[in-house]
Amino acid sequence: VQGIVDQVLANEPSIMTMTTLRDFDEYTFTHCVNVCIFSVVIGQRLGLTKLQLYELGLGALLHDIGKMRIPKEIINKPEGLDDDEWARIREHPTEGLLMLFRMAGFADVPYRQMLMAYEHHMKGTGAGYPSNHRGRRIGLFSRVVAVADAFDAGTSVRSYQYKPFPPDEVLKEMRDNPQRGYDPLLVKALITATGVFPVGTLAILDTMEMAVVAEVNTNPDLLHLPRVKIISDEMGIPLDDPVWCDLSDQPTDGPHRTILKTTDPQKYGIRVSDYIT
């Protein structure tokens, strides 16, 4: 993944564009890089070629470029948007398409990248935006970016979302709620990469110990059994030294731990990044 992403980031026009985007809005910049990474991960699970992964990664990196044409006070508004402001937000896919079409250095870019910018909020059911009432088939790469975009957005702190959702809840909603309109095959591909409980998920074990998911199980049949770091005992007392536990490979002479539920790290004042770096 890193090699493909590095190759995408070495593209000179994309460097200039992302530098401008970072100056415009730090969150949008970070979000686009994350979406690029998640999209390439999904693409690898689909068996795409290196060239296809590069094209996918480049389009994913630039998918939100149209937001630079939206007033910053709307992009970063902490409270709910009114109807006029939502209408402006919904213009960013079209703005992105036009920006890529006109951008110096992108004269020969495959139209697929332009479509990713234009289609990533569009649904084949006619929902989403821009309008797709004719029910035209959305391109595969655009559907990949839609999944990556939704996962990163749901698990991130944003101007109007001070409390991100737990990663496993976001994946479950995307997988189980067909009204969201995400391609189930692509959601499944993401889950095979992140696991049912992605890295950084704070979990309560059935022993009432608290643990942070630190590694995803690479066995597709054991995605629900990651490697975790136990950080507190059954009484909630923090451990001086976290204990590694592979939930898929546990000794027969001790407790057989499983994840009972996940919970919000902010509720307990826990920085999960302290346990996964």
Protein backbone atom coordinates (compact mmCIF):
# COMPACT_ATOMS: atom_id res chain seq x y z
CA VAL A 1 0.00 0.00 0.00
CA GLN A 2 2.71 2.47 1.03
CA GLY A 3 4.52 2.09 -2.30
CA ILE A 4 1.38 2.87 -4.30
CA VAL A 5 0.49 5.83 -2.06
CA ASP A 6 4.05 7.18 -2.31
CA GLN A 7 3.83 6.90 -6.09
CA VAL A 8 0.55 8.82 -6.09
CA LEU A 9 1.98 11.51 -3.84
CA ALA A 10 5.01 11.85 -6.13
CA ASN A 11 2.74 12.95 -8.98
CA GLU A 12 3.72 16.61 -9.47
CA PRO A 13 0.26 18.05 -10.18
CA SER A 14 -1.16 16.17 -7.19
CA ILE A 15 1.61 17.59 -4.96
CA MET A 16 0.74 21.13 -5.99
CA THR A 17 -2.97 20.50 -5.58
CA MET A 18 -2.62 18.89 -2.16
CA THR A 19 -0.34 21.69 -0.96
CA THR A 20 -3.03 24.19 -1.91
CA LEU A 21 -5.70 22.02 -0.29
CA ARG A 22 -3.70 21.78 2.94
CA ASP A 23 -3.43 25.57 3.04
CA PHE A 24 -7.19 25.76 2.52
CA ASP A 25 -8.25 23.25 5.17
CA GLU A 26 -6.15 20.82 7.22
CA TYR A 27 -8.98 18.35 7.87
CA THR A 28 -9.91 18.04 4.21
CA PHE A 29 -6.25 17.46 3.35
CA THR A 30 -5.85 14.71 5.97
CA HIS A 31 -9.17 13.18 4.98
CA CYS A 32 -8.14 12.96 1.32
CA VAL A 33 -4.86 11.24 2.19
CA ASN A 34 -6.73 8.75 4.40
CA VAL A 35 -9.29 8.06 1.68
CA CYS A 36 -6.42 7.44 -0.74
CA ILE A 37 -4.93 4.85 1.63
CA PHE A 38 -8.24 3.09 2.34
CA SER A 39 -9.13 3.06 -1.36
CA VAL A 40 -5.82 1.44 -2.31
CA VAL A 41 -6.31 -1.14 0.46
CA ILE A 42 -9.76 -2.00 -0.92
CA GLY A 43 -8.36 -2.09 -4.45
CA GLN A 44 -5.70 -4.57 -3.41
CA ARG A 45 -8.37 -6.85 -1.96
CA LEU A 46 -10.13 -6.69 -5.34
CA GLY A 47 -6.97 -7.81 -7.13
CA LEU A 48 -6.43 -4.61 -9.12
CA THR A 49 -3.19 -4.19 -11.04
CA LYS A 50 -0.52 -1.72 -9.91
CA LEU A 51 -1.54 0.70 -12.66
CA GLN A 52 -5.19 0.45 -11.62
CA LEU A 53 -4.23 0.97 -7.96
CA TYR A 54 -2.27 4.07 -8.96
CA GLU A 55 -5.22 5.48 -10.89
CA LEU A 56 -7.56 4.65 -8.02
CA GLY A 57 -5.23 6.22 -5.45
CA LEU A 58 -4.80 9.39 -7.49
CA GLY A 59 -8.54 9.84 -7.95
CA ALA A 60 -9.15 9.12 -4.26
CA LEU A 61 -6.54 11.68 -3.25
CA LEU A 62 -8.28 14.34 -5.33
CA HIS A 63 -11.89 13.30 -4.70
CA ASP A 64 -12.72 16.32 -2.50
CA ILE A 65 -10.76 18.93 -4.43
CA GLY A 66 -14.02 20.71 -5.25
CA LYS A 67 -14.35 21.77 -1.61
CA MET A 68 -11.77 24.47 -2.33
CA ARG A 69 -14.55 26.24 -4.25
CA ILE A 70 -16.86 26.17 -1.23
CA PRO A 71 -16.59 29.00 1.35
CA LYS A 72 -14.39 27.92 4.24
CA GLU A 73 -16.91 29.16 6.78
CA ILE A 74 -19.37 26.58 5.42
CA ILE A 75 -16.79 23.76 5.35
CA ASN A 76 -15.83 24.40 8.99
CA LYS A 77 -19.20 25.45 10.39
CA PRO A 78 -19.55 23.73 13.79
CA GLU A 79 -23.34 23.73 13.91
CA GLY A 80 -25.91 22.41 11.45
CA LEU A 81 -26.01 23.82 7.94
CA ASP A 82 -29.07 25.58 6.58
CA ASP A 83 -30.63 24.60 3.24
CA ASP A 84 -28.60 27.11 1.22
CA GLU A 85 -25.35 25.97 2.82
CA TRP A 86 -26.17 22.30 2.16
CA ALA A 87 -26.86 23.23 -1.45
CA ARG A 88 -23.37 24.73 -1.69
CA ILE A 89 -21.79 21.63 -0.10
CA ARG A 90 -23.56 19.44 -2.65
CA GLU A 91 -21.89 21.41 -5.42
CA HIS A 92 -18.38 20.22 -4.53
CA PRO A 93 -18.44 17.07 -6.73
CA THR A 94 -19.31 19.15 -9.80
CA GLU A 95 -16.75 21.78 -8.81
CA GLY A 96 -14.14 19.05 -8.44
CA LEU A 97 -14.89 17.65 -11.89
CA LEU A 98 -14.48 21.10 -13.45
CA MET A 99 -11.28 21.84 -11.52
CA LEU A 100 -9.64 18.60 -12.67
CA PHE A 101 -10.74 19.23 -16.24
CA ARG A 102 -9.11 22.66 -16.25
CA MET A 103 -6.05 21.92 -14.12
CA ALA A 104 -2.63 22.37 -15.69
CA GLY A 105 -0.74 19.08 -15.74
CA PHE A 106 -3.90 17.00 -15.81
CA ALA A 107 -4.63 17.37 -19.51
CA ASP A 108 -4.01 13.68 -20.11
CA VAL A 109 -5.47 12.36 -16.86
CA PRO A 110 -7.89 9.47 -17.44
CA TYR A 111 -11.49 10.58 -17.17
CA ARG A 112 -11.87 7.96 -14.42
CA GLN A 113 -10.29 10.33 -11.87
CA MET A 114 -12.69 13.07 -12.88
CA LEU A 115 -15.59 10.68 -12.44
CA MET A 116 -14.39 9.78 -8.93
CA ALA A 117 -14.54 13.42 -7.93
CA TYR A 118 -17.99 13.72 -9.52
CA GLU A 119 -19.59 10.42 -8.46
CA HIS A 120 -18.33 9.66 -4.94
CA HIS A 121 -21.52 10.95 -3.27
CA MET A 122 -23.83 9.56 -5.96
CA LYS A 123 -25.95 6.45 -5.39
CA GLY A 124 -27.17 4.02 -8.01
CA THR A 125 -30.61 4.16 -6.38
CA GLY A 126 -31.01 7.81 -7.35
CA ALA A 127 -30.16 9.06 -3.87
CA GLY A 128 -27.09 11.09 -3.02
CA TYR A 129 -25.72 13.94 -5.08
CA PRO A 130 -25.35 15.07 -7.82
CA SER A 131 -28.76 13.80 -8.84
CA ASN A 132 -28.83 10.33 -10.39
CA HIS A 133 -32.54 9.87 -11.02
CA ARG A 134 -31.85 7.88 -14.18
CA GLY A 135 -30.11 5.26 -12.06
CA ARG A 136 -26.93 5.17 -14.15
CA ARG A 137 -24.30 2.69 -13.03
CA ILE A 138 -21.69 4.30 -10.80
CA GLY A 139 -18.11 3.42 -11.71
CA LEU A 140 -16.24 0.85 -9.60
CA PHE A 141 -13.53 3.30 -8.56
CA SER A 142 -16.15 5.85 -7.51
CA ARG A 143 -17.90 3.21 -5.40
CA VAL A 144 -14.58 2.30 -3.76
CA VAL A 145 -13.93 5.95 -2.91
CA ALA A 146 -17.47 6.28 -1.52
CA VAL A 147 -16.79 3.45 0.96
CA ALA A 148 -13.37 4.78 1.94
CA ASP A 149 -14.77 8.32 2.28
CA ALA A 150 -17.63 7.23 4.54
CA PHE A 151 -15.41 5.11 6.80
CA ASP A 152 -12.85 7.86 7.35
CA ALA A 153 -15.51 10.56 7.81
CA GLY A 154 -17.40 8.51 10.38
CA THR A 155 -14.32 7.73 12.45
CA SER A 156 -12.81 11.23 12.43
CA VAL A 157 -13.28 14.39 14.46
CA ARG A 158 -14.76 17.11 12.26
CA SER A 159 -15.99 20.65 12.80
CA TYR A 160 -19.56 19.40 13.37
CA GLN A 161 -18.62 15.98 14.77
CA TYR A 162 -16.66 16.40 17.98
CA LYS A 163 -17.10 12.75 18.90
CA PRO A 164 -16.18 10.25 16.18
CA PHE A 165 -18.03 6.96 16.01
CA PRO A 166 -16.23 3.72 16.98
CA PRO A 167 -14.78 2.12 13.83
CA ASP A 168 -16.67 -1.14 14.29
CA GLU A 169 -19.99 0.73 14.53
CA VAL A 170 -19.26 2.62 11.32
CA LEU A 171 -18.44 -0.61 9.49
CA LYS A 172 -21.55 -2.32 10.85
CA GLU A 173 -23.79 0.54 9.73
CA MET A 174 -22.23 0.55 6.27
CA ARG A 175 -22.55 -3.23 5.99
CA ASP A 176 -26.02 -3.76 7.46
CA ASN A 177 -27.97 -0.67 6.38
CA PRO A 178 -28.77 -0.93 2.65
CA GLN A 179 -30.29 2.56 2.71
CA ARG A 180 -26.75 3.93 2.97
CA GLY A 181 -26.25 2.71 -0.58
CA TYR A 182 -22.70 1.38 -0.27
CA ASP A 183 -21.56 -1.54 -2.40
CA PRO A 184 -21.67 -4.54 -0.01
CA LEU A 185 -18.79 -6.28 -1.78
CA LEU A 186 -16.56 -3.24 -1.29
CA VAL A 187 -17.57 -2.85 2.35
CA LYS A 188 -16.67 -6.51 2.84
CA ALA A 189 -13.31 -5.88 1.16
CA LEU A 190 -12.64 -3.05 3.61
CA ILE A 191 -13.59 -5.25 6.56
CA THR A 192 -11.18 -7.97 5.42
CA ALA A 193 -8.44 -5.34 5.65
CA THR A 194 -9.46 -3.58 8.86
CA GLY A 195 -11.08 -6.53 10.63
CA VAL A 196 -14.50 -6.48 12.22
CA PHE A 197 -12.85 -4.50 15.03
CA PRO A 198 -10.33 -2.13 13.40
CA VAL A 199 -7.03 -1.19 15.01
CA GLY A 200 -7.63 1.43 17.69
CA THR A 201 -11.03 0.10 18.76
CA LEU A 202 -11.50 0.16 22.54
CA ALA A 203 -13.17 -3.06 23.66
CA ILE A 204 -14.66 -4.51 26.82
CA LEU A 205 -13.83 -8.21 27.06
CA ASP A 206 -16.18 -10.78 28.56
CA THR A 207 -13.78 -10.91 31.52
CA MET A 208 -14.66 -7.20 32.02
CA GLU A 209 -11.06 -6.28 31.22
CA MET A 210 -10.55 -3.36 28.88
CA ALA A 211 -8.42 -3.77 25.76
CA VAL A 212 -7.31 -1.88 22.67
CA VAL A 213 -7.29 -3.65 19.31
CA ALA A 214 -3.66 -3.51 18.21
CA GLU A 215 -3.47 -5.91 15.25
CA VAL A 216 -6.01 -7.26 12.78
CA ASN A 217 -6.26 -11.01 12.32
CA THR A 218 -5.22 -11.77 8.74
CA ASN A 219 -7.25 -15.00 8.64
CA PRO A 220 -10.49 -14.09 6.80
CA ASP A 221 -12.41 -16.57 8.97
CA LEU A 222 -11.16 -14.97 12.20
CA LEU A 223 -11.65 -11.26 11.49
CA HIS A 224 -13.66 -10.98 14.72
CA LEU A 225 -10.71 -12.24 16.79
CA PRO A 226 -7.92 -9.64 16.62
CA ARG A 227 -4.80 -9.27 18.75
CA VAL A 228 -5.42 -6.84 21.58
CA LYS A 229 -3.54 -5.11 24.35
CA ILE A 230 -5.29 -5.50 27.71
CA ILE A 231 -4.92 -2.14 29.46
CA SER A 232 -7.04 -2.55 32.61
CA ASP A 233 -8.15 -5.40 34.85
CA GLU A 234 -11.70 -6.57 35.56
CA MET A 235 -12.03 -3.85 38.23
CA GLY A 236 -11.11 -1.12 35.76
CA ILE A 237 -7.69 -0.53 37.31
CA PRO A 238 -5.13 0.42 34.63
CA LEU A 239 -2.26 -2.00 34.11
CA ASP A 240 1.26 -0.62 34.36
CA ASP A 241 2.27 -2.83 31.45
CA PRO A 242 -0.40 -3.72 28.86
CA VAL A 243 -0.75 -7.45 28.20
CA TRP A 244 -0.86 -8.82 24.66
CA CYS A 245 -3.63 -11.29 23.93
CA ASP A 246 -4.36 -13.05 20.66
CA LEU A 247 -8.10 -13.70 20.84
CA SER A 248 -7.80 -16.40 18.19
CA ASP A 249 -5.06 -18.36 19.95
CA GLN A 250 -5.53 -18.57 23.70
CA PRO A 251 -4.13 -21.07 26.22
CA THR A 252 -6.46 -23.78 27.49
CA ASP A 253 -5.39 -23.27 31.10
CA GLY A 254 -6.52 -19.64 31.38
CA PRO A 255 -9.55 -17.44 30.67
CA HIS A 256 -10.87 -17.66 27.13
CA ARG A 257 -11.43 -14.02 26.28
CA THR A 258 -13.77 -12.61 23.64
CA ILE A 259 -14.93 -9.08 22.87
CA LEU A 260 -18.18 -8.37 24.70
CA LYS A 261 -18.72 -4.88 23.29
CA THR A 262 -16.87 -1.79 22.13
CA THR A 263 -16.93 1.57 23.83
CA ASP A 264 -15.92 5.20 23.43
CA PRO A 265 -12.31 5.96 24.51
CA GLN A 266 -13.23 9.56 25.31
CA LYS A 267 -15.65 8.32 27.96
CA TYR A 268 -12.71 6.91 29.89
CA GLY A 269 -10.13 9.52 28.96
CA ILE A 270 -8.10 6.94 27.04
CA ARG A 271 -5.88 7.80 24.08
CA VAL A 272 -5.83 4.62 22.06
CA SER A 273 -2.91 5.95 20.00
CA ASP A 274 -0.72 5.41 23.07
CA TYR A 275 -1.22 1.67 22.67
CA ILE A 276 -0.91 1.17 18.93
CA THR A 277 2.21 3.15 18.07
